[in-house]
PDB file of N, CA and C in Angstrom:
ATOM      1  N   UNK A   1      68.420  64.821 259.081  1.00  0.00           N
ATOM      2  CA  UNK A   1      68.503  65.033 260.253  1.00  0.00           C
ATOM      3  C   UNK A   1      68.231  66.501 260.967  1.00  0.00           C
ATOM      4  N   UNK A   2      66.950  66.770 261.429  1.00  0.00           N
ATOM      5  CA  UNK A   2      67.399  68.060 261.906  1.00  0.00           C
ATOM      6  C   UNK A   2      68.505  68.375 262.962  1.00  0.00           C
ATOM      7  N   UNK A   3      67.823  69.507 263.138  1.00  0.00           N
ATOM      8  CA  UNK A   3      69.470  70.206 264.362  1.00  0.00           C
ATOM      9  C   UNK A   3      68.187  70.378 265.414  1.00  0.00           C
ATOM     10  N   UNK A   4      68.311  69.674 266.869  1.00  0.00           N
ATOM     11  CA  UNK A   4      67.255  69.998 267.147  1.00  0.00           C
ATOM     12  C   UNK A   4      67.102  71.649 268.187  1.00  0.00           C
ATOM     13  N   UNK A   5      65.957  72.163 268.664  1.00  0.00           N
ATOM     14  CA  UNK A   5      65.921  73.239 268.261  1.00  0.00           C
ATOM     15  C   UNK A   5      66.217  74.731 268.238  1.00  0.00           C
ATOM     16  N   UNK A   6      66.526  74.814 266.646  1.00  0.00           N
ATOM     17  CA  UNK A   6      67.038  74.824 265.694  1.00  0.00           C
ATOM     18  C   UNK A   6      66.649  75.766 264.525  1.00  0.00           C
ATOM     19  N   UNK A   7      65.097  75.773 264.895  1.00  0.00           N
ATOM     20  CA  UNK A   7      64.516  76.595 263.991  1.00  0.00           C
ATOM     21  C   UNK A   7      63.484  75.991 264.490  1.00  0.00           C
ATOM     22  N   UNK A   8      61.555  76.805 263.610  1.00  0.00           N
ATOM     23  CA  UNK A   8      60.965  76.356 263.789  1.00  0.00           C
ATOM     24  C   UNK A   8      60.555  75.495 262.534  1.00  0.00           C
ATOM     25  N   UNK A   9      60.880  75.331 262.191  1.00  0.00           N
ATOM     26  CA  UNK A   9      60.790  74.340 260.667  1.00  0.00           C
ATOM     27  C   UNK A   9      60.983  72.810 260.157  1.00  0.00           C
ATOM     28  N   UNK A  10      61.648  72.594 260.593  1.00  0.00           N
ATOM     29  CA  UNK A  10      61.930  71.409 260.295  1.00  0.00           C
ATOM     30  C   UNK A  10      60.986  70.039 261.184  1.00  0.00           C
ATOM     31  N   UNK A  11      61.411  69.591 260.637  1.00  0.00           N
ATOM     32  CA  UNK A  11      60.238  67.983 261.049  1.00  0.00           C
ATOM     33  C   UNK A  11      61.191  66.795 259.772  1.00  0.00           C
ATOM     34  N   UNK A  12      61.066  65.802 260.381  1.00  0.00           N
ATOM     35  CA  UNK A  12      61.690  64.044 259.364  1.00  0.00           C
ATOM     36  C   UNK A  12      60.670  63.460 260.543  1.00  0.00           C
ATOM     37  N   UNK A  13      60.940  62.251 259.900  1.00  0.00           N
ATOM     38  CA  UNK A  13      59.791  61.125 259.957  1.00  0.00           C
ATOM     39  C   UNK A  13      61.199  59.830 259.704  1.00  0.00           C
ATOM     40  N   UNK A  14      60.911  58.396 260.938  1.00  0.00           N
ATOM     41  CA  UNK A  14      61.741  57.802 260.762  1.00  0.00           C
ATOM     42  C   UNK A  14      59.849  56.261 261.096  1.00  0.00           C
ATOM     43  N   UNK A  15      59.891  55.573 260.028  1.00  0.00           N
ATOM     44  CA  UNK A  15      59.393  54.683 260.506  1.00  0.00           C
ATOM     45  C   UNK A  15      57.254  55.083 259.826  1.00  0.00           C
ATOM     46  N   UNK A  16      56.664  55.602 261.123  1.00  0.00           N
ATOM     47  CA  UNK A  16      55.484  56.569 260.993  1.00  0.00           C
ATOM     48  C   UNK A  16      55.628  56.880 262.916  1.00  0.00           C
ATOM     49  N   UNK A  17      56.893  57.501 262.998  1.00  0.00           N
ATOM     50  CA  UNK A  17      56.978  58.037 263.874  1.00  0.00           C
ATOM     51  C   UNK A  17      57.609  59.680 263.052  1.00  0.00           C
ATOM     52  N   UNK A  18      57.174  61.180 263.591  1.00  0.00           N
ATOM     53  CA  UNK A  18      56.767  62.354 263.051  1.00  0.00           C
ATOM     54  C   UNK A  18      57.642  62.503 264.252  1.00  0.00           C
ATOM     55  N   UNK A  19      59.010  63.505 263.308  1.00  0.00           N
ATOM     56  CA  UNK A  19      59.425  64.254 265.152  1.00  0.00           C
ATOM     57  C   UNK A  19      59.839  65.519 264.145  1.00  0.00           C
ATOM     58  N   UNK A  20      58.531  66.896 265.399  1.00  0.00           N
ATOM     59  CA  UNK A  20      58.541  68.460 264.408  1.00  0.00           C
ATOM     60  C   UNK A  20      59.293  69.151 265.516  1.00  0.00           C
ATOM     61  N   UNK A  21      60.341  69.839 265.049  1.00  0.00           N
ATOM     62  CA  UNK A  21      61.511  70.432 265.481  1.00  0.00           C
ATOM     63  C   UNK A  21      60.478  72.179 265.727  1.00  0.00           C
ATOM     64  N   UNK A  22      61.293  72.821 266.510  1.00  0.00           N
ATOM     65  CA  UNK A  22      60.987  73.599 267.512  1.00  0.00           C
ATOM     66  C   UNK A  22      62.240  74.795 268.221  1.00  0.00           C
ATOM     67  N   UNK A  23      61.805  75.950 268.199  1.00  0.00           N
ATOM     68  CA  UNK A  23      63.041  76.160 268.935  1.00  0.00           C
ATOM     69  C   UNK A  23      62.552  76.039 270.536  1.00  0.00           C
ATOM     70  N   UNK A  24      61.621  75.955 270.832  1.00  0.00           N
ATOM     71  CA  UNK A  24      61.476  75.897 272.247  1.00  0.00           C
ATOM     72  C   UNK A  24      61.206  74.264 272.644  1.00  0.00           C
ATOM     73  N   UNK A  25      60.833  73.275 271.652  1.00  0.00           N
ATOM     74  CA  UNK A  25      60.683  72.175 272.223  1.00  0.00           C
ATOM     75  C   UNK A  25      60.861  70.765 271.041  1.00  0.00           C
ATOM     76  N   UNK A  26      60.734  70.261 270.602  1.00  0.00           N
ATOM     77  CA  UNK A  26      60.634  68.947 269.865  1.00  0.00           C
ATOM     78  C   UNK A  26      59.256  67.877 270.451  1.00  0.00           C
ATOM     79  N   UNK A  27      58.611  67.926 268.943  1.00  0.00           N
ATOM     80  CA  UNK A  27      57.331  66.676 269.474  1.00  0.00           C
ATOM     81  C   UNK A  27      57.301  65.925 268.667  1.00  0.00           C
ATOM     82  N   UNK A  28      56.942  64.478 269.337  1.00  0.00           N
ATOM     83  CA  UNK A  28      57.138  63.443 268.684  1.00  0.00           C
ATOM     84  C   UNK A  28      56.055  62.924 268.979  1.00  0.00           C
ATOM     85  N   UNK A  29      55.680  62.041 268.189  1.00  0.00           N
ATOM     86  CA  UNK A  29      54.539  60.929 267.811  1.00  0.00           C
ATOM     87  C   UNK A  29      54.184  60.123 266.687  1.00  0.00           C
ATOM     88  N   UNK A  30      53.670  59.141 267.218  1.00  0.00           N
ATOM     89  CA  UNK A  30      53.272  58.296 265.665  1.00  0.00           C
ATOM     90  C   UNK A  30      53.777  57.054 266.687  1.00  0.00           C
ATOM     91  N   UNK A  31      54.001  56.289 265.322  1.00  0.00           N
ATOM     92  CA  UNK A  31      54.426  54.589 265.970  1.00  0.00           C
ATOM     93  C   UNK A  31      55.595  54.352 265.296  1.00  0.00           C
ATOM     94  N   UNK A  32      56.309  53.698 265.310  1.00  0.00           N
ATOM     95  CA  UNK A  32      56.849  52.558 264.738  1.00  0.00           C
ATOM     96  C   UNK A  32      57.568  50.940 265.193  1.00  0.00           C
ATOM     97  N   UNK A  33      57.228  49.573 263.924  1.00  0.00           N
ATOM     98  CA  UNK A  33      57.978  48.694 264.786  1.00  0.00           C
ATOM     99  C   UNK A  33      58.923  48.596 263.739  1.00  0.00           C
ATOM    100  N   UNK A  34      60.363  48.122 264.798  1.00  0.00           N
ATOM    101  CA  UNK A  34      61.946  47.813 264.692  1.00  0.00           C
ATOM    102  C   UNK A  34      61.363  46.568 264.487  1.00  0.00           C
ATOM    103  N   UNK A  35      61.348  45.420 263.049  1.00  0.00           N
ATOM    104  CA  UNK A  35      61.664  44.328 262.860  1.00  0.00           C
ATOM    105  C   UNK A  35      62.827  43.680 263.170  1.00  0.00           C
ATOM    106  N   UNK A  36      63.152  42.805 263.333  1.00  0.00           N
ATOM    107  CA  UNK A  36      64.646  42.406 263.812  1.00  0.00           C
ATOM    108  C   UNK A  36      65.342  42.201 261.437  1.00  0.00           C
ATOM    109  N   UNK A  37      65.929  42.562 260.915  1.00  0.00           N
ATOM    110  CA  UNK A  37      65.573  43.464 259.641  1.00  0.00           C
ATOM    111  C   UNK A  37      66.636  44.636 260.036  1.00  0.00           C
ATOM    112  N   UNK A  38      67.053  44.242 258.104  1.00  0.00           N
ATOM    113  CA  UNK A  38      67.599  45.418 257.578  1.00  0.00           C
ATOM    114  C   UNK A  38      67.498  46.472 258.203  1.00  0.00           C
ATOM    115  N   UNK A  39      65.824  47.007 258.090  1.00  0.00           N
ATOM    116  CA  UNK A  39      65.005  48.308 258.153  1.00  0.00           C
ATOM    117  C   UNK A  39      65.518  48.618 259.009  1.00  0.00           C
ATOM    118  N   UNK A  40      64.794  47.681 260.171  1.00  0.00           N
ATOM    119  CA  UNK A  40      64.128  48.366 261.895  1.00  0.00           C
ATOM    120  C   UNK A  40      65.996  48.173 262.186  1.00  0.00           C
ATOM    121  N   UNK A  41      67.154  47.466 261.412  1.00  0.00           N
ATOM    122  CA  UNK A  41      68.280  48.086 262.793  1.00  0.00           C
ATOM    123  C   UNK A  41      68.848  49.639 261.924  1.00  0.00           C
ATOM    124  N   UNK A  42      67.453  49.894 260.874  1.00  0.00           N
ATOM    125  CA  UNK A  42      68.471  51.124 259.933  1.00  0.00           C
ATOM    126  C   UNK A  42      67.639  52.306 260.517  1.00  0.00           C
ATOM    127  N   UNK A  43      66.629  52.012 260.669  1.00  0.00           N
ATOM    128  CA  UNK A  43      65.435  52.775 262.095  1.00  0.00           C
ATOM    129  C   UNK A  43      65.825  53.248 263.481  1.00  0.00           C
ATOM    130  N   UNK A  44      66.634  52.034 263.777  1.00  0.00           N
ATOM    131  CA  UNK A  44      67.004  52.217 265.544  1.00  0.00           C
ATOM    132  C   UNK A  44      68.371  52.851 265.111  1.00  0.00           C
ATOM    133  N   UNK A  45      69.035  53.146 264.184  1.00  0.00           N
ATOM    134  CA  UNK A  45      70.531  53.746 264.070  1.00  0.00           C
ATOM    135  C   UNK A  45      69.502  54.788 264.113  1.00  0.00           C
ATOM    136  N   UNK A  46      68.827  55.662 262.825  1.00  0.00           N
ATOM    137  CA  UNK A  46      67.969  56.331 263.126  1.00  0.00           C
ATOM    138  C   UNK A  46      68.359  57.532 264.064  1.00  0.00           C
ATOM    139  N   UNK A  47      67.155  56.508 265.323  1.00  0.00           N
ATOM    140  CA  UNK A  47      66.303  56.561 266.391  1.00  0.00           C
ATOM    141  C   UNK A  47      67.771  57.514 267.558  1.00  0.00           C
ATOM    142  N   UNK A  48      68.415  56.453 267.408  1.00  0.00           N
ATOM    143  CA  UNK A  48      70.307  56.560 268.251  1.00  0.00           C
ATOM    144  C   UNK A  48      70.260  58.081 267.909  1.00  0.00           C
ATOM    145  N   UNK A  49      70.299  57.876 266.723  1.00  0.00           N
ATOM    146  CA  UNK A  49      71.295  59.502 266.766  1.00  0.00           C
ATOM    147  C   UNK A  49      70.714  60.287 266.838  1.00  0.00           C
ATOM    148  N   UNK A  50      69.456  60.427 266.358  1.00  0.00           N
ATOM    149  CA  UNK A  50      68.198  61.478 266.590  1.00  0.00           C
ATOM    150  C   UNK A  50      68.483  61.485 268.436  1.00  0.00           C
ATOM    151  N   UNK A  51      67.528  60.962 269.156  1.00  0.00           N
ATOM    152  CA  UNK A  51      68.411  61.774 270.430  1.00  0.00           C
ATOM    153  C   UNK A  51      69.666  61.787 270.656  1.00  0.00           C
ATOM    154  N   UNK A  52      70.798  60.876 270.579  1.00  0.00           N
ATOM    155  CA  UNK A  52      72.261  62.189 270.861  1.00  0.00           C
ATOM    156  C   UNK A  52      72.118  63.144 270.578  1.00  0.00           C
ATOM    157  N   UNK A  53      71.190  63.703 269.264  1.00  0.00           N
ATOM    158  CA  UNK A  53      71.828  65.175 268.555  1.00  0.00           C
ATOM    159  C   UNK A  53      70.545  65.759 269.970  1.00  0.00           C
ATOM    160  N   UNK A  54      69.890  65.568 270.621  1.00  0.00           N
ATOM    161  CA  UNK A  54      68.893  65.882 271.445  1.00  0.00           C
ATOM    162  C   UNK A  54      69.306  66.087 272.702  1.00  0.00           C
ATOM    163  N   UNK A  55      70.211  65.072 273.293  1.00  0.00           N
ATOM    164  CA  UNK A  55      70.742  64.849 273.895  1.00  0.00           C
ATOM    165  C   UNK A  55      71.313  65.933 274.206  1.00  0.00           C
ATOM    166  N   UNK A  56      72.564  66.045 273.642  1.00  0.00           N
ATOM    167  CA  UNK A  56      73.968  66.702 273.102  1.00  0.00           C
ATOM    168  C   UNK A  56      73.161  68.163 273.649  1.00  0.00           C
ATOM    169  N   UNK A  57      71.829  68.698 273.029  1.00  0.00           N
ATOM    170  CA  UNK A  57      71.888  69.566 273.117  1.00  0.00           C
ATOM    171  C   UNK A  57      71.126  70.130 274.932  1.00  0.00           C
ATOM    172  N   UNK A  58      70.467  69.240 274.488  1.00  0.00           N
ATOM    173  CA  UNK A  58      70.063  69.769 276.368  1.00  0.00           C
ATOM    174  C   UNK A  58      71.210  70.141 277.236  1.00  0.00           C
ATOM    175  N   UNK A  59      72.371  69.707 276.859  1.00  0.00           N
ATOM    176  CA  UNK A  59      73.735  69.355 277.966  1.00  0.00           C
ATOM    177  C   UNK A  59      74.652  70.867 277.147  1.00  0.00           C
ATOM    178  N   UNK A  60      74.088  71.516 277.025  1.00  0.00           N
ATOM    179  CA  UNK A  60      74.643  72.769 276.465  1.00  0.00           C
ATOM    180  C   UNK A  60      73.577  73.792 277.187  1.00  0.00           C
ATOM    181  N   UNK A  61      74.197  74.428 278.342  1.00  0.00           N
ATOM    182  CA  UNK A  61      74.151  74.961 279.445  1.00  0.00           C
ATOM    183  C   UNK A  61      73.243  76.270 278.084  1.00  0.00           C
ATOM    184  N   UNK A  62      73.427  76.881 277.664  1.00  0.00           N
ATOM    185  CA  UNK A  62      72.733  78.293 276.755  1.00  0.00           C
ATOM    186  C   UNK A  62      71.468  78.060 276.454  1.00  0.00           C
ATOM    187  N   UNK A  63      70.840  76.571 277.058  1.00  0.00           N
ATOM    188  CA  UNK A  63      69.986  76.310 276.055  1.00  0.00           C
ATOM    189  C   UNK A  63      69.019  76.559 277.199  1.00  0.00           C
ATOM    190  N   UNK A  64      69.768  76.448 278.364  1.00  0.00           N
ATOM    191  CA  UNK A  64      68.162  76.496 279.329  1.00  0.00           C
ATOM    192  C   UNK A  64      68.206  78.051 280.026  1.00  0.00           C
ATOM    193  N   UNK A  65      68.759  78.500 279.495  1.00  0.00           N
ATOM    194  CA  UNK A  65      68.533  79.923 279.376  1.00  0.00           C
ATOM    195  C   UNK A  65      67.686  81.529 278.615  1.00  0.00           C
ATOM    196  N   UNK A  66      67.973  79.659 277.761  1.00  0.00           N
ATOM    197  CA  UNK A  66      67.508  80.857 276.505  1.00  0.00           C
ATOM    198  C   UNK A  66      66.117  81.043 276.685  1.00  0.00           C
ATOM    199  N   UNK A  67      65.078  82.547 276.793  1.00  0.00           N
ATOM    200  CA  UNK A  67      63.608  82.294 276.904  1.00  0.00           C
ATOM    201  C   UNK A  67      63.182  83.465 276.073  1.00  0.00           C
ATOM    202  N   UNK A  68      63.947  83.928 274.883  1.00  0.00           N
ATOM    203  CA  UNK A  68      63.681  84.777 274.165  1.00  0.00           C
ATOM    204  C   UNK A  68      62.446  83.735 273.063  1.00  0.00           C
ATOM    205  N   UNK A  69      63.535  82.433 272.957  1.00  0.00           N
ATOM    206  CA  UNK A  69      62.093  81.609 271.727  1.00  0.00           C
ATOM    207  C   UNK A  69      61.493  80.488 272.117  1.00  0.00           C
ATOM    208  N   UNK A  70      60.438  81.618 271.965  1.00  0.00           N
ATOM    209  CA  UNK A  70      59.493  80.431 273.064  1.00  0.00           C
ATOM    210  C   UNK A  70      58.517  80.418 271.578  1.00  0.00           C
ATOM    211  N   UNK A  71      57.746  78.974 270.882  1.00  0.00           N
ATOM    212  CA  UNK A  71      56.967  78.776 270.585  1.00  0.00           C
ATOM    213  C   UNK A  71      55.229  79.371 270.597  1.00  0.00           C
ATOM    214  N   UNK A  72      54.523  79.681 269.403  1.00  0.00           N
ATOM    215  CA  UNK A  72      53.704  80.210 269.329  1.00  0.00           C
ATOM    216  C   UNK A  72      53.091  80.030 270.277  1.00  0.00           C
ATOM    217  N   UNK A  73      52.462  78.282 271.294  1.00  0.00           N
ATOM    218  CA  UNK A  73      51.630  77.906 271.210  1.00  0.00           C
ATOM    219  C   UNK A  73      51.906  77.817 273.175  1.00  0.00           C
ATOM    220  N   UNK A  74      52.722  78.283 273.395  1.00  0.00           N
ATOM    221  CA  UNK A  74      53.257  78.924 274.633  1.00  0.00           C
ATOM    222  C   UNK A  74      53.284  80.548 275.108  1.00  0.00           C
ATOM    223  N   UNK A  75      53.044  81.425 274.063  1.00  0.00           N
ATOM    224  CA  UNK A  75      53.014  82.816 274.555  1.00  0.00           C
ATOM    225  C   UNK A  75      51.045  83.286 273.993  1.00  0.00           C
ATOM    226  N   UNK A  76      50.757  82.372 273.490  1.00  0.00           N
ATOM    227  CA  UNK A  76      48.858  82.835 273.651  1.00  0.00           C
ATOM    228  C   UNK A  76      48.961  83.124 274.792  1.00  0.00           C
ATOM    229  N   UNK A  77      48.928  82.395 275.895  1.00  0.00           N
ATOM    230  CA  UNK A  77      48.669  82.556 276.744  1.00  0.00           C
ATOM    231  C   UNK A  77      49.109  83.684 277.756  1.00  0.00           C
ATOM    232  N   UNK A  78      48.662  85.313 278.358  1.00  0.00           N
ATOM    233  CA  UNK A  78      49.072  86.268 278.600  1.00  0.00           C
ATOM    234  C   UNK A  78      48.479  86.142 279.756  1.00  0.00           C
ATOM    235  N   UNK A  79      48.157  85.120 280.173  1.00  0.00           N
ATOM    236  CA  UNK A  79      48.918  85.041 282.542  1.00  0.00           C
ATOM    237  C   UNK A  79      47.100  85.925 282.573  1.00  0.00           C
ATOM    238  N   UNK A  80      46.320  86.667 281.856  1.00  0.00           N
ATOM    239  CA  UNK A  80      45.203  87.810 282.085  1.00  0.00           C
ATOM    240  C   UNK A  80      44.193  87.316 282.131  1.00  0.00           C
ATOM    241  N   UNK A  81      43.516  88.029 283.617  1.00  0.00           N
ATOM    242  CA  UNK A  81      42.554  87.012 283.592  1.00  0.00           C
ATOM    243  C   UNK A  81      41.163  88.013 282.656  1.00  0.00           C
ATOM    244  N   UNK A  82      40.129  87.465 281.216  1.00  0.00           N
ATOM    245  CA  UNK A  82      39.820  88.071 280.817  1.00  0.00           C
ATOM    246  C   UNK A  82      37.884  87.738 280.781  1.00  0.00           C
ATOM    247  N   UNK A  83      37.244  89.058 280.991  1.00  0.00           N
ATOM    248  CA  UNK A  83      35.641  88.334 281.543  1.00  0.00           C
ATOM    249  C   UNK A  83      35.037  87.564 280.403  1.00  0.00           C
ATOM    250  N   UNK A  84      34.538  86.738 280.255  1.00  0.00           N
ATOM    251  CA  UNK A  84      33.723  85.719 279.365  1.00  0.00           C
ATOM    252  C   UNK A  84      33.085  86.759 279.432  1.00  0.00           C
ATOM    253  N   UNK A  85      33.177  86.715 277.721  1.00  0.00           N
ATOM    254  CA  UNK A  85      32.009  87.880 277.080  1.00  0.00           C
ATOM    255  C   UNK A  85      30.174  87.027 276.874  1.00  0.00           C
ATOM    256  N   UNK A  86      30.155  85.196 276.785  1.00  0.00           N
ATOM    257  CA  UNK A  86      29.231  84.531 276.398  1.00  0.00           C
ATOM    258  C   UNK A  86      28.692  84.652 277.901  1.00  0.00           C
ATOM    259  N   UNK A  87      29.053  85.356 279.110  1.00  0.00           N
ATOM    260  CA  UNK A  87      28.639  85.220 280.044  1.00  0.00           C
ATOM    261  C   UNK A  87      27.309  86.135 280.709  1.00  0.00           C
TER     262      UNK A  87
END
């Protein structure tokens, strides 16, 4: 189980859902079929535990003021205007 917002290198999978951990966001993609059987129940429990950890991390108010740790995707845009060299 990942620790939400703890690092930029953890990931996990539940069914065909992939959860990627980063310090400033969590990315979830894929799909899952929760069958009404023991396997579906185990997957539902994992989803419940993960979402509980994510909610607990959001409730920790210190995370909202954390502006130091941003993923590379967010840092690529400087907000400065640059002339287009192809025109």
